[in-house]
Amino acid sequence: RADQGDTPYNLRNCAYLEEFSKPKIVYMEIQTDNASEGYPFPCFSFDNKKCVTLNTAYTMSSESVDVRYILGILNSTLGRFLTKLYVTQLQQRQFRMLAQYVIKFPIPREADYGFLISLVNRELESHSEKTESDINEYVERLYGLTQEESVVIRQED
């Protein structure tokens, strides 16, 4: 082919290739909501090892915000609620996480990024229910949820 690249693996010039080298959020296109069988939902992961995804996964990186801040929101109880509102449901427990829908999630920009990032770092190092609970509470406050709204969000979990 005439459009082969100059790399050893002969890929064409890829405008977003550098994005894979950045810390990023990675998520699968189709996710199952069935924690009892080992499928946490939603399942957004942090990658700082320069992994490359294939055609059934998506990545998110940012020049302006530490993606761990966004990760904390997306994997929270409220993030679960937002996911079900914004993405396409395929079957009773399966969701198609197309980037065109995920990018529309409302992410507050005026916040103490550092506090949520520290909680996310703690969760990444050693998963604990206490840290998960702290993240959920902080995200609910970040969005200004009332006590009643928080109860509804948690009941959806």
N, C-alpha and C. Protein backbone atom coordinates (compact mmCIF):
# COMPACT_ATOMS: atom_id res chain seq x y z
N ARG A 1 0.83 -1.19 0.00
CA ARG A 1 0.00 0.00 0.00
C ARG A 1 0.86 1.24 0.00
N ALA A 2 0.39 2.25 -0.61
CA ALA A 2 1.15 3.50 -0.72
C ALA A 2 1.09 4.32 0.57
N ASP A 3 0.12 4.05 1.45
CA ASP A 3 -0.04 4.88 2.65
C ASP A 3 0.61 4.26 3.88
N GLN A 4 1.58 3.40 3.72
CA GLN A 4 2.25 2.80 4.87
C GLN A 4 3.07 3.86 5.59
N GLY A 5 3.22 3.67 6.90
CA GLY A 5 3.95 4.62 7.71
C GLY A 5 5.45 4.40 7.68
N ASP A 6 6.15 5.21 8.44
CA ASP A 6 7.60 5.12 8.52
C ASP A 6 8.08 4.37 9.74
N THR A 7 7.18 3.79 10.50
CA THR A 7 7.55 3.09 11.74
C THR A 7 7.91 1.64 11.42
N PRO A 8 8.60 0.97 12.32
CA PRO A 8 8.95 -0.44 12.08
C PRO A 8 7.72 -1.33 11.89
N TYR A 9 6.60 -0.93 12.43
CA TYR A 9 5.39 -1.75 12.31
C TYR A 9 4.48 -1.25 11.19
N ASN A 10 4.96 -0.32 10.38
CA ASN A 10 4.30 0.16 9.18
C ASN A 10 2.88 0.69 9.37
N LEU A 11 2.63 1.30 10.48
CA LEU A 11 1.33 1.94 10.67
C LEU A 11 1.34 3.29 9.95
N ARG A 12 0.21 3.66 9.44
CA ARG A 12 0.09 4.99 8.85
C ARG A 12 0.25 6.04 9.95
N ASN A 13 0.55 7.25 9.56
CA ASN A 13 0.67 8.33 10.52
C ASN A 13 -0.64 8.45 11.29
N CYS A 14 -0.54 8.39 12.58
CA CYS A 14 -1.72 8.42 13.44
C CYS A 14 -1.67 9.69 14.28
N ALA A 15 -2.61 10.58 14.08
CA ALA A 15 -2.61 11.88 14.74
C ALA A 15 -2.71 11.77 16.26
N TYR A 16 -3.30 10.71 16.76
CA TYR A 16 -3.49 10.58 18.20
C TYR A 16 -2.55 9.56 18.85
N LEU A 17 -1.54 9.10 18.15
CA LEU A 17 -0.63 8.09 18.67
C LEU A 17 0.04 8.54 19.98
N GLU A 18 0.36 9.82 20.10
CA GLU A 18 1.00 10.34 21.31
C GLU A 18 0.09 10.24 22.53
N GLU A 19 -1.22 10.21 22.32
CA GLU A 19 -2.17 10.11 23.43
C GLU A 19 -1.95 8.83 24.23
N PHE A 20 -1.50 7.77 23.58
CA PHE A 20 -1.27 6.51 24.28
C PHE A 20 -0.12 6.61 25.28
N SER A 21 0.77 7.56 25.10
CA SER A 21 1.91 7.74 26.00
C SER A 21 1.56 8.52 27.25
N LYS A 22 0.39 9.14 27.27
CA LYS A 22 -0.03 9.96 28.41
C LYS A 22 -0.78 9.12 29.43
N PRO A 23 -0.80 9.57 30.69
CA PRO A 23 -1.71 8.93 31.65
C PRO A 23 -3.14 9.07 31.11
N LYS A 24 -3.90 7.99 31.20
CA LYS A 24 -5.22 8.02 30.58
C LYS A 24 -6.19 7.10 31.29
N ILE A 25 -7.45 7.29 30.97
CA ILE A 25 -8.51 6.40 31.40
C ILE A 25 -8.78 5.46 30.24
N VAL A 26 -8.93 4.19 30.55
CA VAL A 26 -9.22 3.17 29.54
C VAL A 26 -10.51 2.48 29.93
N TYR A 27 -11.37 2.22 28.94
CA TYR A 27 -12.60 1.49 29.22
C TYR A 27 -13.04 0.69 28.01
N MET A 28 -13.70 -0.41 28.28
CA MET A 28 -14.19 -1.29 27.22
C MET A 28 -15.48 -0.73 26.63
N GLU A 29 -15.68 -1.01 25.35
CA GLU A 29 -16.87 -0.50 24.68
C GLU A 29 -18.15 -1.11 25.24
N ILE A 30 -18.15 -2.40 25.50
CA ILE A 30 -19.34 -3.05 26.05
C ILE A 30 -19.03 -3.50 27.46
N GLN A 31 -19.86 -3.08 28.40
CA GLN A 31 -19.68 -3.42 29.80
C GLN A 31 -20.95 -4.07 30.34
N THR A 32 -20.75 -4.98 31.28
CA THR A 32 -21.86 -5.71 31.89
C THR A 32 -22.02 -5.26 33.33
N ASP A 33 -23.23 -4.99 33.71
CA ASP A 33 -23.55 -4.58 35.09
C ASP A 33 -23.96 -5.82 35.88
N ASN A 34 -22.96 -6.51 36.41
CA ASN A 34 -23.23 -7.71 37.18
C ASN A 34 -22.07 -7.96 38.14
N ALA A 35 -22.00 -7.17 39.19
CA ALA A 35 -20.89 -7.25 40.15
C ALA A 35 -20.81 -8.61 40.83
N SER A 36 -21.95 -9.27 41.04
CA SER A 36 -21.94 -10.56 41.73
C SER A 36 -21.20 -11.63 40.92
N GLU A 37 -21.07 -11.42 39.61
CA GLU A 37 -20.33 -12.37 38.77
C GLU A 37 -18.97 -11.81 38.35
N GLY A 38 -18.54 -10.76 39.03
CA GLY A 38 -17.20 -10.23 38.78
C GLY A 38 -17.11 -9.14 37.74
N TYR A 39 -18.23 -8.49 37.42
CA TYR A 39 -18.23 -7.42 36.44
C TYR A 39 -18.55 -6.09 37.11
N PRO A 40 -17.55 -5.39 37.63
CA PRO A 40 -17.85 -4.08 38.22
C PRO A 40 -18.36 -3.13 37.15
N PHE A 41 -19.31 -2.30 37.52
CA PHE A 41 -19.91 -1.38 36.55
C PHE A 41 -20.16 -0.04 37.18
N PRO A 42 -19.80 1.04 36.53
CA PRO A 42 -18.99 1.06 35.33
C PRO A 42 -17.56 0.70 35.67
N CYS A 43 -16.79 0.39 34.67
CA CYS A 43 -15.41 -0.02 34.89
C CYS A 43 -14.48 0.82 34.02
N PHE A 44 -14.03 1.91 34.61
CA PHE A 44 -13.05 2.78 33.97
C PHE A 44 -11.73 2.55 34.70
N SER A 45 -10.64 2.38 33.99
CA SER A 45 -9.34 2.07 34.59
C SER A 45 -8.33 3.17 34.29
N PHE A 46 -7.35 3.29 35.18
CA PHE A 46 -6.27 4.26 35.01
C PHE A 46 -5.07 3.55 34.42
N ASP A 47 -4.49 4.15 33.38
CA ASP A 47 -3.29 3.59 32.77
C ASP A 47 -2.20 4.66 32.71
N ASN A 48 -1.08 4.36 33.34
CA ASN A 48 0.08 5.24 33.23
C ASN A 48 1.29 4.47 32.71
N LYS A 49 1.02 3.36 32.02
CA LYS A 49 2.09 2.51 31.49
C LYS A 49 2.15 2.52 29.97
N LYS A 50 1.53 3.53 29.37
CA LYS A 50 1.60 3.74 27.92
C LYS A 50 1.01 2.60 27.11
N CYS A 51 -0.03 1.98 27.63
CA CYS A 51 -0.69 0.89 26.90
C CYS A 51 -1.44 1.42 25.69
N VAL A 52 -1.55 0.58 24.70
CA VAL A 52 -2.28 0.90 23.48
C VAL A 52 -3.55 0.05 23.47
N THR A 53 -4.67 0.66 23.14
CA THR A 53 -5.92 -0.09 23.10
C THR A 53 -6.24 -0.49 21.67
N LEU A 54 -7.08 -1.49 21.57
CA LEU A 54 -7.51 -1.96 20.26
C LEU A 54 -8.91 -1.44 19.97
N ASN A 55 -9.57 -2.01 19.00
CA ASN A 55 -10.82 -1.45 18.50
C ASN A 55 -12.03 -1.61 19.43
N THR A 56 -11.96 -2.38 20.49
CA THR A 56 -13.12 -2.51 21.38
C THR A 56 -12.93 -1.78 22.70
N ALA A 57 -11.95 -0.90 22.74
CA ALA A 57 -11.71 -0.12 23.95
C ALA A 57 -11.49 1.34 23.58
N TYR A 58 -11.72 2.20 24.54
CA TYR A 58 -11.55 3.64 24.33
C TYR A 58 -10.60 4.18 25.38
N THR A 59 -10.02 5.34 25.07
CA THR A 59 -9.15 6.01 26.03
C THR A 59 -9.58 7.46 26.17
N MET A 60 -9.24 8.02 27.33
CA MET A 60 -9.47 9.45 27.61
C MET A 60 -8.20 10.00 28.21
N SER A 61 -7.72 11.09 27.65
CA SER A 61 -6.59 11.80 28.25
C SER A 61 -6.94 13.27 28.27
N SER A 62 -6.15 14.05 28.99
CA SER A 62 -6.46 15.47 29.11
C SER A 62 -5.18 16.27 29.27
N GLU A 63 -5.17 17.43 28.67
CA GLU A 63 -4.06 18.37 28.84
C GLU A 63 -4.32 19.28 30.04
N SER A 64 -5.58 19.44 30.42
CA SER A 64 -5.93 20.44 31.42
C SER A 64 -6.32 19.88 32.79
N VAL A 65 -6.72 18.63 32.85
CA VAL A 65 -7.19 18.04 34.11
C VAL A 65 -6.51 16.69 34.30
N ASP A 66 -6.07 16.42 35.51
CA ASP A 66 -5.53 15.10 35.83
C ASP A 66 -6.66 14.09 35.67
N VAL A 67 -6.47 13.10 34.82
CA VAL A 67 -7.54 12.15 34.52
C VAL A 67 -7.98 11.34 35.74
N ARG A 68 -7.16 11.30 36.79
CA ARG A 68 -7.59 10.58 38.00
C ARG A 68 -8.77 11.29 38.66
N TYR A 69 -8.88 12.60 38.49
CA TYR A 69 -10.05 13.34 38.97
C TYR A 69 -11.30 12.84 38.26
N ILE A 70 -11.22 12.73 36.94
CA ILE A 70 -12.35 12.25 36.14
C ILE A 70 -12.65 10.79 36.47
N LEU A 71 -11.60 10.00 36.65
CA LEU A 71 -11.76 8.59 37.00
C LEU A 71 -12.55 8.43 38.30
N GLY A 72 -12.25 9.26 39.29
CA GLY A 72 -12.98 9.19 40.56
C GLY A 72 -14.47 9.43 40.37
N ILE A 73 -14.81 10.37 39.52
CA ILE A 73 -16.22 10.66 39.25
C ILE A 73 -16.86 9.51 38.49
N LEU A 74 -16.20 9.05 37.43
CA LEU A 74 -16.79 8.01 36.58
C LEU A 74 -17.03 6.70 37.32
N ASN A 75 -16.13 6.33 38.22
CA ASN A 75 -16.28 5.06 38.94
C ASN A 75 -17.08 5.18 40.23
N SER A 76 -17.58 6.36 40.52
CA SER A 76 -18.38 6.55 41.74
C SER A 76 -19.80 6.04 41.54
N THR A 77 -20.56 6.03 42.62
CA THR A 77 -21.96 5.65 42.54
C THR A 77 -22.72 6.61 41.63
N LEU A 78 -22.41 7.90 41.71
CA LEU A 78 -23.04 8.87 40.82
C LEU A 78 -22.60 8.61 39.37
N GLY A 79 -21.34 8.24 39.18
CA GLY A 79 -20.86 7.89 37.83
C GLY A 79 -21.64 6.73 37.24
N ARG A 80 -21.99 5.78 38.08
CA ARG A 80 -22.81 4.64 37.64
C ARG A 80 -24.18 5.14 37.17
N PHE A 81 -24.75 6.04 37.93
CA PHE A 81 -26.05 6.62 37.59
C PHE A 81 -25.96 7.38 36.26
N LEU A 82 -24.91 8.19 36.12
CA LEU A 82 -24.71 8.95 34.87
C LEU A 82 -24.51 8.02 33.68
N THR A 83 -23.76 6.97 33.89
CA THR A 83 -23.52 6.02 32.81
C THR A 83 -24.83 5.47 32.28
N LYS A 84 -25.69 5.07 33.18
CA LYS A 84 -26.98 4.50 32.75
C LYS A 84 -27.87 5.54 32.07
N LEU A 85 -27.68 6.82 32.40
CA LEU A 85 -28.45 7.87 31.75
C LEU A 85 -27.94 8.21 30.35
N TYR A 86 -26.64 8.12 30.15
CA TYR A 86 -26.03 8.65 28.93
C TYR A 86 -25.69 7.62 27.86
N VAL A 87 -25.39 6.39 28.24
CA VAL A 87 -24.94 5.43 27.23
C VAL A 87 -26.10 4.55 26.75
N THR A 88 -25.83 3.75 25.75
CA THR A 88 -26.85 2.90 25.15
C THR A 88 -26.94 1.56 25.89
N GLN A 89 -28.13 1.20 26.31
CA GLN A 89 -28.33 -0.10 26.93
C GLN A 89 -28.62 -1.12 25.85
N LEU A 90 -27.88 -2.23 25.87
CA LEU A 90 -28.05 -3.27 24.85
C LEU A 90 -29.03 -4.35 25.31
N GLN A 91 -28.79 -4.86 26.49
CA GLN A 91 -29.65 -5.88 27.08
C GLN A 91 -29.91 -5.44 28.52
N GLN A 92 -30.50 -6.33 29.29
CA GLN A 92 -30.86 -5.96 30.66
C GLN A 92 -29.66 -5.44 31.45
N ARG A 93 -28.50 -6.06 31.28
CA ARG A 93 -27.33 -5.67 32.07
C ARG A 93 -26.13 -5.26 31.22
N GLN A 94 -26.30 -5.05 29.95
CA GLN A 94 -25.17 -4.70 29.10
C GLN A 94 -25.36 -3.30 28.52
N PHE A 95 -24.23 -2.59 28.47
CA PHE A 95 -24.24 -1.20 28.01
C PHE A 95 -23.12 -0.99 27.01
N ARG A 96 -23.42 -0.21 25.99
CA ARG A 96 -22.42 0.13 24.97
C ARG A 96 -21.90 1.53 25.27
N MET A 97 -20.64 1.59 25.61
CA MET A 97 -20.00 2.81 26.11
C MET A 97 -19.31 3.57 24.98
N LEU A 98 -20.06 3.98 23.98
CA LEU A 98 -19.47 4.72 22.87
C LEU A 98 -18.95 6.07 23.35
N ALA A 99 -17.80 6.45 22.84
CA ALA A 99 -17.16 7.71 23.25
C ALA A 99 -18.08 8.91 23.03
N GLN A 100 -18.90 8.87 21.99
CA GLN A 100 -19.79 9.99 21.70
C GLN A 100 -20.80 10.24 22.82
N TYR A 101 -21.07 9.23 23.63
CA TYR A 101 -21.98 9.40 24.77
C TYR A 101 -21.21 9.71 26.05
N VAL A 102 -20.10 9.00 26.26
CA VAL A 102 -19.31 9.19 27.48
C VAL A 102 -18.78 10.61 27.57
N ILE A 103 -18.42 11.20 26.45
CA ILE A 103 -17.87 12.56 26.45
C ILE A 103 -18.89 13.59 26.91
N LYS A 104 -20.16 13.23 26.90
CA LYS A 104 -21.22 14.16 27.31
C LYS A 104 -21.51 14.12 28.81
N PHE A 105 -20.86 13.23 29.55
CA PHE A 105 -21.07 13.20 31.00
C PHE A 105 -20.72 14.57 31.58
N PRO A 106 -21.55 15.11 32.43
CA PRO A 106 -21.24 16.41 33.04
C PRO A 106 -20.16 16.25 34.12
N ILE A 107 -19.01 16.85 33.91
CA ILE A 107 -17.89 16.78 34.86
C ILE A 107 -17.66 18.18 35.40
N PRO A 108 -17.86 18.40 36.71
CA PRO A 108 -17.63 19.74 37.28
C PRO A 108 -16.18 20.18 37.12
N ARG A 109 -16.01 21.41 36.69
CA ARG A 109 -14.66 21.95 36.49
C ARG A 109 -14.18 22.76 37.69
N GLU A 110 -15.10 23.28 38.46
CA GLU A 110 -14.74 24.07 39.64
C GLU A 110 -14.74 23.15 40.86
N ALA A 111 -13.59 22.61 41.18
CA ALA A 111 -13.52 21.66 42.28
C ALA A 111 -12.11 21.60 42.83
N ASP A 112 -11.99 20.96 43.98
CA ASP A 112 -10.69 20.69 44.58
C ASP A 112 -10.18 19.39 43.96
N TYR A 113 -9.51 19.50 42.81
CA TYR A 113 -9.02 18.33 42.11
C TYR A 113 -8.11 17.49 43.01
N GLY A 114 -7.26 18.16 43.75
CA GLY A 114 -6.26 17.47 44.56
C GLY A 114 -6.85 16.51 45.56
N PHE A 115 -7.95 16.89 46.19
CA PHE A 115 -8.54 16.01 47.21
C PHE A 115 -9.07 14.72 46.58
N LEU A 116 -9.82 14.85 45.49
CA LEU A 116 -10.36 13.65 44.84
C LEU A 116 -9.23 12.80 44.26
N ILE A 117 -8.21 13.44 43.71
CA ILE A 117 -7.08 12.69 43.16
C ILE A 117 -6.37 11.91 44.26
N SER A 118 -6.24 12.50 45.45
CA SER A 118 -5.59 11.78 46.56
C SER A 118 -6.43 10.57 46.97
N LEU A 119 -7.75 10.70 46.96
CA LEU A 119 -8.62 9.56 47.27
C LEU A 119 -8.49 8.47 46.19
N VAL A 120 -8.45 8.89 44.94
CA VAL A 120 -8.31 7.93 43.84
C VAL A 120 -6.97 7.22 43.94
N ASN A 121 -5.90 7.95 44.24
CA ASN A 121 -4.59 7.32 44.41
C ASN A 121 -4.63 6.27 45.51
N ARG A 122 -5.29 6.61 46.61
CA ARG A 122 -5.41 5.65 47.72
C ARG A 122 -6.18 4.41 47.26
N GLU A 123 -7.22 4.61 46.49
CA GLU A 123 -8.02 3.48 45.99
C GLU A 123 -7.23 2.64 45.00
N LEU A 124 -6.42 3.28 44.16
CA LEU A 124 -5.60 2.54 43.20
C LEU A 124 -4.53 1.70 43.90
N GLU A 125 -4.01 2.20 45.00
CA GLU A 125 -2.96 1.48 45.74
C GLU A 125 -3.52 0.29 46.51
N SER A 126 -4.64 0.50 47.19
CA SER A 126 -5.24 -0.59 47.97
C SER A 126 -6.74 -0.38 48.04
N HIS A 127 -7.44 -1.18 47.31
CA HIS A 127 -8.90 -1.05 47.24
C HIS A 127 -9.50 -1.23 48.63
N SER A 128 -10.30 -0.25 49.04
CA SER A 128 -10.96 -0.37 50.33
C SER A 128 -12.36 0.22 50.25
N GLU A 129 -13.26 -0.38 50.99
CA GLU A 129 -14.64 0.12 51.01
C GLU A 129 -14.69 1.52 51.60
N LYS A 130 -13.82 1.82 52.56
CA LYS A 130 -13.80 3.14 53.19
C LYS A 130 -13.43 4.21 52.17
N THR A 131 -12.38 3.97 51.39
CA THR A 131 -11.97 4.94 50.38
C THR A 131 -13.04 5.08 49.31
N GLU A 132 -13.62 3.98 48.89
CA GLU A 132 -14.70 4.01 47.91
C GLU A 132 -15.87 4.85 48.43
N SER A 133 -16.20 4.68 49.69
CA SER A 133 -17.27 5.46 50.32
C SER A 133 -16.91 6.95 50.36
N ASP A 134 -15.66 7.25 50.70
CA ASP A 134 -15.20 8.64 50.74
C ASP A 134 -15.30 9.29 49.35
N ILE A 135 -14.94 8.53 48.32
CA ILE A 135 -15.04 9.05 46.95
C ILE A 135 -16.49 9.33 46.61
N ASN A 136 -17.37 8.39 46.91
CA ASN A 136 -18.79 8.56 46.61
C ASN A 136 -19.37 9.79 47.32
N GLU A 137 -19.03 9.96 48.58
CA GLU A 137 -19.53 11.12 49.34
C GLU A 137 -19.00 12.43 48.76
N TYR A 138 -17.71 12.45 48.42
CA TYR A 138 -17.13 13.67 47.87
C TYR A 138 -17.78 14.02 46.53
N VAL A 139 -17.98 13.03 45.67
CA VAL A 139 -18.57 13.27 44.35
C VAL A 139 -20.01 13.78 44.52
N GLU A 140 -20.75 13.23 45.45
CA GLU A 140 -22.12 13.70 45.70
C GLU A 140 -22.12 15.16 46.14
N ARG A 141 -21.17 15.53 47.00
CA ARG A 141 -21.06 16.93 47.43
C ARG A 141 -20.64 17.82 46.26
N LEU A 142 -19.72 17.31 45.44
CA LEU A 142 -19.22 18.04 44.28
C LEU A 142 -20.37 18.42 43.34
N TYR A 143 -21.32 17.54 43.17
CA TYR A 143 -22.47 17.78 42.30
C TYR A 143 -23.61 18.49 43.03
N GLY A 144 -23.43 18.73 44.33
CA GLY A 144 -24.45 19.45 45.09
C GLY A 144 -25.73 18.67 45.29
N LEU A 145 -25.61 17.35 45.42
CA LEU A 145 -26.81 16.54 45.63
C LEU A 145 -27.40 16.77 47.01
N THR A 146 -28.70 16.77 47.08
CA THR A 146 -29.38 16.83 48.37
C THR A 146 -29.33 15.45 49.01
N GLN A 147 -29.70 15.38 50.26
CA GLN A 147 -29.74 14.09 50.96
C GLN A 147 -30.68 13.12 50.24
N GLU A 148 -31.83 13.63 49.81
CA GLU A 148 -32.81 12.79 49.12
C GLU A 148 -32.26 12.27 47.79
N GLU A 149 -31.58 13.13 47.05
CA GLU A 149 -31.00 12.72 45.78
C GLU A 149 -29.90 11.67 45.99
N SER A 150 -29.10 11.85 47.03
CA SER A 150 -28.06 10.89 47.35
C SER A 150 -28.65 9.51 47.65
N VAL A 151 -29.78 9.49 48.35
CA VAL A 151 -30.44 8.23 48.68
C VAL A 151 -30.89 7.53 47.39
N VAL A 152 -31.46 8.30 46.47
CA VAL A 152 -31.92 7.73 45.20
C VAL A 152 -30.75 7.15 44.42
N ILE A 153 -29.65 7.89 44.35
CA ILE A 153 -28.46 7.44 43.62
C ILE A 153 -27.93 6.15 44.22
N ARG A 154 -27.86 6.09 45.53
CA ARG A 154 -27.32 4.90 46.20
C ARG A 154 -28.25 3.70 46.04
N GLN A 155 -29.54 3.92 45.95
CA GLN A 155 -30.49 2.83 45.77
C GLN A 155 -30.34 2.20 44.39
N GLU A 156 -29.89 2.98 43.43
CA GLU A 156 -29.67 2.47 42.07
C GLU A 156 -28.50 1.52 42.03
N ASP A 157 -27.61 1.59 43.01
CA ASP A 157 -26.39 0.80 43.03
C ASP A 157 -26.66 -0.65 43.31
